[in-house]
PDB file of N, CA and C in Angstrom:
ATOM      1  N   MET A   1      99.996  65.910  58.857  1.00  0.00           N
ATOM      2  CA  MET A   1     100.904  65.230  59.751  1.00  0.00           C
ATOM      3  C   MET A   1     102.158  66.049  60.018  1.00  0.00           C
ATOM      4  N   SER A   2     102.546  66.889  59.095  1.00  0.00           N
ATOM      5  CA  SER A   2     103.806  67.607  59.295  1.00  0.00           C
ATOM      6  C   SER A   2     103.735  68.534  60.503  1.00  0.00           C
ATOM      7  N   ARG A   3     102.583  69.190  60.726  1.00  0.00           N
ATOM      8  CA  ARG A   3     102.467  70.071  61.896  1.00  0.00           C
ATOM      9  C   ARG A   3     102.513  69.252  63.176  1.00  0.00           C
ATOM     10  N   ALA A   4     101.847  68.118  63.180  1.00  0.00           N
ATOM     11  CA  ALA A   4     101.854  67.264  64.368  1.00  0.00           C
ATOM     12  C   ALA A   4     103.262  66.763  64.653  1.00  0.00           C
ATOM     13  N   ARG A   5     103.949  66.355  63.607  1.00  0.00           N
ATOM     14  CA  ARG A   5     105.327  65.884  63.773  1.00  0.00           C
ATOM     15  C   ARG A   5     106.214  66.974  64.351  1.00  0.00           C
ATOM     16  N   SER A   6     106.080  68.180  63.827  1.00  0.00           N
ATOM     17  CA  SER A   6     106.941  69.263  64.307  1.00  0.00           C
ATOM     18  C   SER A   6     106.620  69.621  65.752  1.00  0.00           C
ATOM     19  N   LYS A   7     105.356  69.544  66.129  1.00  0.00           N
ATOM     20  CA  LYS A   7     104.978  69.875  67.506  1.00  0.00           C
ATOM     21  C   LYS A   7     105.543  68.887  68.518  1.00  0.00           C
ATOM     22  N   ILE A   8     105.688  67.636  68.115  1.00  0.00           N
ATOM     23  CA  ILE A   8     106.240  66.650  69.050  1.00  0.00           C
ATOM     24  C   ILE A   8     107.706  66.336  68.779  1.00  0.00           C
ATOM     25  N   GLY A   9     108.299  67.082  67.857  1.00  0.00           N
ATOM     26  CA  GLY A   9     109.735  66.982  67.634  1.00  0.00           C
ATOM     27  C   GLY A   9     110.197  65.825  66.778  1.00  0.00           C
ATOM     28  N   ILE A  10     109.367  65.372  65.853  1.00  0.00           N
ATOM     29  CA  ILE A  10     109.754  64.295  64.942  1.00  0.00           C
ATOM     30  C   ILE A  10     109.976  64.899  63.566  1.00  0.00           C
ATOM     31  N   SER A  11     111.142  64.629  62.985  1.00  0.00           N
ATOM     32  CA  SER A  11     111.432  65.183  61.666  1.00  0.00           C
ATOM     33  C   SER A  11     110.624  64.461  60.592  1.00  0.00           C
ATOM     34  N   GLU A  12     110.461  65.122  59.433  1.00  0.00           N
ATOM     35  CA  GLU A  12     109.709  64.539  58.310  1.00  0.00           C
ATOM     36  C   GLU A  12     110.361  63.251  57.809  1.00  0.00           C
ATOM     37  N   GLU A  13     111.678  63.166  57.907  1.00  0.00           N
ATOM     38  CA  GLU A  13     112.400  62.002  57.389  1.00  0.00           C
ATOM     39  C   GLU A  13     112.323  60.797  58.314  1.00  0.00           C
ATOM     40  N   GLU A  14     112.057  61.044  59.577  1.00  0.00           N
ATOM     41  CA  GLU A  14     112.029  59.960  60.556  1.00  0.00           C
ATOM     42  C   GLU A  14     110.736  59.163  60.433  1.00  0.00           C
ATOM     43  N   PRO A  15     110.836  57.868  60.172  1.00  0.00           N
ATOM     44  CA  PRO A  15     109.611  57.071  60.050  1.00  0.00           C
ATOM     45  C   PRO A  15     108.932  56.910  61.400  1.00  0.00           C
ATOM     46  N   VAL A  16     107.630  56.879  61.362  1.00  0.00           N
ATOM     47  CA  VAL A  16     106.858  56.668  62.580  1.00  0.00           C
ATOM     48  C   VAL A  16     106.162  55.322  62.440  1.00  0.00           C
ATOM     49  N   ALA A  17     106.526  54.397  63.296  1.00  0.00           N
ATOM     50  CA  ALA A  17     105.946  53.053  63.238  1.00  0.00           C
ATOM     51  C   ALA A  17     105.121  52.802  64.492  1.00  0.00           C
ATOM     52  N   ALA A  18     103.915  52.360  64.292  1.00  0.00           N
ATOM     53  CA  ALA A  18     103.048  52.033  65.432  1.00  0.00           C
ATOM     54  C   ALA A  18     103.448  50.678  65.981  1.00  0.00           C
ATOM     55  N   GLU A  19     103.331  50.538  67.250  1.00  0.00           N
ATOM     56  CA  GLU A  19     103.620  49.261  67.889  1.00  0.00           C
ATOM     57  C   GLU A  19     102.567  48.241  67.479  1.00  0.00           C
ATOM     58  N   ALA A  20     102.925  46.978  67.490  1.00  0.00           N
ATOM     59  CA  ALA A  20     102.007  45.907  67.104  1.00  0.00           C
ATOM     60  C   ALA A  20     100.744  45.919  67.967  1.00  0.00           C
ATOM     61  N   VAL A  21     100.888  46.200  69.247  1.00  0.00           N
ATOM     62  CA  VAL A  21      99.738  46.230  70.148  1.00  0.00           C
ATOM     63  C   VAL A  21      98.785  47.345  69.740  1.00  0.00           C
ATOM     64  N   GLU A  22      99.335  48.506  69.399  1.00  0.00           N
ATOM     65  CA  GLU A  22      98.495  49.621  68.981  1.00  0.00           C
ATOM     66  C   GLU A  22      97.762  49.298  67.685  1.00  0.00           C
ATOM     67  N   LEU A  23      98.448  48.677  66.744  1.00  0.00           N
ATOM     68  CA  LEU A  23      97.821  48.305  65.484  1.00  0.00           C
ATOM     69  C   LEU A  23      96.691  47.307  65.708  1.00  0.00           C
ATOM     70  N   GLU A  24      96.908  46.361  66.603  1.00  0.00           N
ATOM     71  CA  GLU A  24      95.878  45.371  66.912  1.00  0.00           C
ATOM     72  C   GLU A  24      94.669  46.055  67.543  1.00  0.00           C
ATOM     73  N   TRP A  25      94.914  47.019  68.454  1.00  0.00           N
ATOM     74  CA  TRP A  25      93.818  47.740  69.092  1.00  0.00           C
ATOM     75  C   TRP A  25      93.008  48.506  68.055  1.00  0.00           C
ATOM     76  N   VAL A  26      93.684  49.212  67.174  1.00  0.00           N
ATOM     77  CA  VAL A  26      92.998  49.986  66.137  1.00  0.00           C
ATOM     78  C   VAL A  26      92.184  49.065  65.241  1.00  0.00           C
ATOM     79  N   SER A  27      92.753  47.932  64.879  1.00  0.00           N
ATOM     80  CA  SER A  27      92.053  46.972  64.044  1.00  0.00           C
ATOM     81  C   SER A  27      90.781  46.468  64.732  1.00  0.00           C
ATOM     82  N   GLN A  28      90.906  46.108  66.004  1.00  0.00           N
ATOM     83  CA  GLN A  28      89.739  45.639  66.756  1.00  0.00           C
ATOM     84  C   GLN A  28      88.690  46.737  66.878  1.00  0.00           C
ATOM     85  N   PHE A  29      89.132  47.964  67.139  1.00  0.00           N
ATOM     86  CA  PHE A  29      88.213  49.090  67.298  1.00  0.00           C
ATOM     87  C   PHE A  29      87.442  49.345  66.012  1.00  0.00           C
ATOM     88  N   LEU A  30      88.151  49.414  64.886  1.00  0.00           N
ATOM     89  CA  LEU A  30      87.495  49.684  63.604  1.00  0.00           C
ATOM     90  C   LEU A  30      86.552  48.555  63.203  1.00  0.00           C
ATOM     91  N   THR A  31      86.969  47.330  63.428  1.00  0.00           N
ATOM     92  CA  THR A  31      86.111  46.186  63.112  1.00  0.00           C
ATOM     93  C   THR A  31      84.838  46.236  63.945  1.00  0.00           C
ATOM     94  N   SER A  32      84.977  46.549  65.222  1.00  0.00           N
ATOM     95  CA  SER A  32      83.805  46.643  66.095  1.00  0.00           C
ATOM     96  C   SER A  32      82.871  47.754  65.641  1.00  0.00           C
ATOM     97  N   LEU A  33      83.433  48.887  65.238  1.00  0.00           N
ATOM     98  CA  LEU A  33      82.608  49.985  64.729  1.00  0.00           C
ATOM     99  C   LEU A  33      81.869  49.577  63.465  1.00  0.00           C
ATOM    100  N   GLU A  34      82.590  48.958  62.531  1.00  0.00           N
ATOM    101  CA  GLU A  34      81.990  48.549  61.263  1.00  0.00           C
ATOM    102  C   GLU A  34      80.862  47.547  61.476  1.00  0.00           C
ATOM    103  N   GLN A  35      81.019  46.688  62.464  1.00  0.00           N
ATOM    104  CA  GLN A  35      80.014  45.659  62.734  1.00  0.00           C
ATOM    105  C   GLN A  35      78.897  46.158  63.641  1.00  0.00           C
ATOM    106  N   GLY A  36      79.031  47.372  64.130  1.00  0.00           N
ATOM    107  CA  GLY A  36      78.019  47.922  65.014  1.00  0.00           C
ATOM    108  C   GLY A  36      77.999  47.279  66.390  1.00  0.00           C
ATOM    109  N   ASN A  37      79.122  46.725  66.807  1.00  0.00           N
ATOM    110  CA  ASN A  37      79.222  46.038  68.087  1.00  0.00           C
ATOM    111  C   ASN A  37      79.566  47.058  69.183  1.00  0.00           C
ATOM    112  N   VAL A  38      78.540  47.713  69.704  1.00  0.00           N
ATOM    113  CA  VAL A  38      78.717  48.792  70.678  1.00  0.00           C
ATOM    114  C   VAL A  38      79.392  48.289  71.951  1.00  0.00           C
ATOM    115  N   ASP A  39      79.004  47.127  72.426  1.00  0.00           N
ATOM    116  CA  ASP A  39      79.608  46.589  73.652  1.00  0.00           C
ATOM    117  C   ASP A  39      81.107  46.394  73.496  1.00  0.00           C
ATOM    118  N   GLN A  40      81.532  45.887  72.345  1.00  0.00           N
ATOM    119  CA  GLN A  40      82.958  45.682  72.102  1.00  0.00           C
ATOM    120  C   GLN A  40      83.681  47.021  72.008  1.00  0.00           C
ATOM    121  N   VAL A  41      83.083  48.001  71.329  1.00  0.00           N
ATOM    122  CA  VAL A  41      83.687  49.336  71.227  1.00  0.00           C
ATOM    123  C   VAL A  41      83.892  49.908  72.624  1.00  0.00           C
ATOM    124  N   LEU A  42      82.855  49.841  73.446  1.00  0.00           N
ATOM    125  CA  LEU A  42      82.948  50.379  74.802  1.00  0.00           C
ATOM    126  C   LEU A  42      83.999  49.656  75.634  1.00  0.00           C
ATOM    127  N   SER A  43      84.151  48.360  75.434  1.00  0.00           N
ATOM    128  CA  SER A  43      85.133  47.602  76.203  1.00  0.00           C
ATOM    129  C   SER A  43      86.561  47.993  75.832  1.00  0.00           C
ATOM    130  N   LEU A  44      86.757  48.535  74.638  1.00  0.00           N
ATOM    131  CA  LEU A  44      88.095  48.938  74.194  1.00  0.00           C
ATOM    132  C   LEU A  44      88.477  50.340  74.665  1.00  0.00           C
ATOM    133  N   LEU A  45      87.519  51.094  75.150  1.00  0.00           N
ATOM    134  CA  LEU A  45      87.766  52.470  75.572  1.00  0.00           C
ATOM    135  C   LEU A  45      88.063  52.534  77.064  1.00  0.00           C
ATOM    136  N   THR A  46      88.797  53.550  77.466  1.00  0.00           N
ATOM    137  CA  THR A  46      89.053  53.745  78.884  1.00  0.00           C
ATOM    138  C   THR A  46      87.846  54.399  79.533  1.00  0.00           C
ATOM    139  N   GLU A  47      87.825  54.406  80.835  1.00  0.00           N
ATOM    140  CA  GLU A  47      86.676  54.924  81.571  1.00  0.00           C
ATOM    141  C   GLU A  47      86.457  56.417  81.366  1.00  0.00           C
ATOM    142  N   ASP A  48      87.507  57.168  81.016  1.00  0.00           N
ATOM    143  CA  ASP A  48      87.359  58.619  80.904  1.00  0.00           C
ATOM    144  C   ASP A  48      87.031  59.097  79.488  1.00  0.00           C
ATOM    145  N   VAL A  49      86.716  58.172  78.584  1.00  0.00           N
ATOM    146  CA  VAL A  49      86.341  58.558  77.222  1.00  0.00           C
ATOM    147  C   VAL A  49      84.920  59.107  77.237  1.00  0.00           C
ATOM    148  N   MET A  50      84.709  60.188  76.478  1.00  0.00           N
ATOM    149  CA  MET A  50      83.387  60.802  76.414  1.00  0.00           C
ATOM    150  C   MET A  50      82.956  60.878  74.952  1.00  0.00           C
ATOM    151  N   LEU A  51      81.748  60.444  74.668  1.00  0.00           N
ATOM    152  CA  LEU A  51      81.177  60.511  73.325  1.00  0.00           C
ATOM    153  C   LEU A  51      80.255  61.729  73.258  1.00  0.00           C
ATOM    154  N   ILE A  52      80.493  62.584  72.270  1.00  0.00           N
ATOM    155  CA  ILE A  52      79.645  63.747  72.058  1.00  0.00           C
ATOM    156  C   ILE A  52      79.063  63.629  70.659  1.00  0.00           C
ATOM    157  N   SER A  53      77.754  63.720  70.565  1.00  0.00           N
ATOM    158  CA  SER A  53      77.068  63.549  69.298  1.00  0.00           C
ATOM    159  C   SER A  53      76.093  64.681  69.077  1.00  0.00           C
ATOM    160  N   ASP A  54      75.832  64.983  67.815  1.00  0.00           N
ATOM    161  CA  ASP A  54      74.861  66.040  67.518  1.00  0.00           C
ATOM    162  C   ASP A  54      73.429  65.505  67.518  1.00  0.00           C
ATOM    163  N   GLY A  55      73.286  64.191  67.674  1.00  0.00           N
ATOM    164  CA  GLY A  55      71.971  63.588  67.761  1.00  0.00           C
ATOM    165  C   GLY A  55      71.276  63.377  66.424  1.00  0.00           C
ATOM    166  N   ALA A  56      71.952  63.692  65.341  1.00  0.00           N
ATOM    167  CA  ALA A  56      71.347  63.536  64.010  1.00  0.00           C
ATOM    168  C   ALA A  56      71.177  62.061  63.700  1.00  0.00           C
ATOM    169  N   GLU A  57      70.093  61.759  63.026  1.00  0.00           N
ATOM    170  CA  GLU A  57      69.828  60.384  62.594  1.00  0.00           C
ATOM    171  C   GLU A  57      69.955  60.314  61.086  1.00  0.00           C
ATOM    172  N   LYS A  58      70.340  59.144  60.624  1.00  0.00           N
ATOM    173  CA  LYS A  58      70.452  58.933  59.169  1.00  0.00           C
ATOM    174  C   LYS A  58      69.148  58.418  58.639  1.00  0.00           C
TER     175      LYS A  58
END
């Protein structure tokens, strides 16, 4: 995180707090992934998101 912070000009001492809306989005996204709800995952993404996979199966 320190390199990312320095690149965008945020000092190490400055706290970074996510907005409530962003936290809710992340929570919904992770829950949808964990539950395997592909339709919900896709609905949370913007139209220009691209999924790249190596095609490996478990």
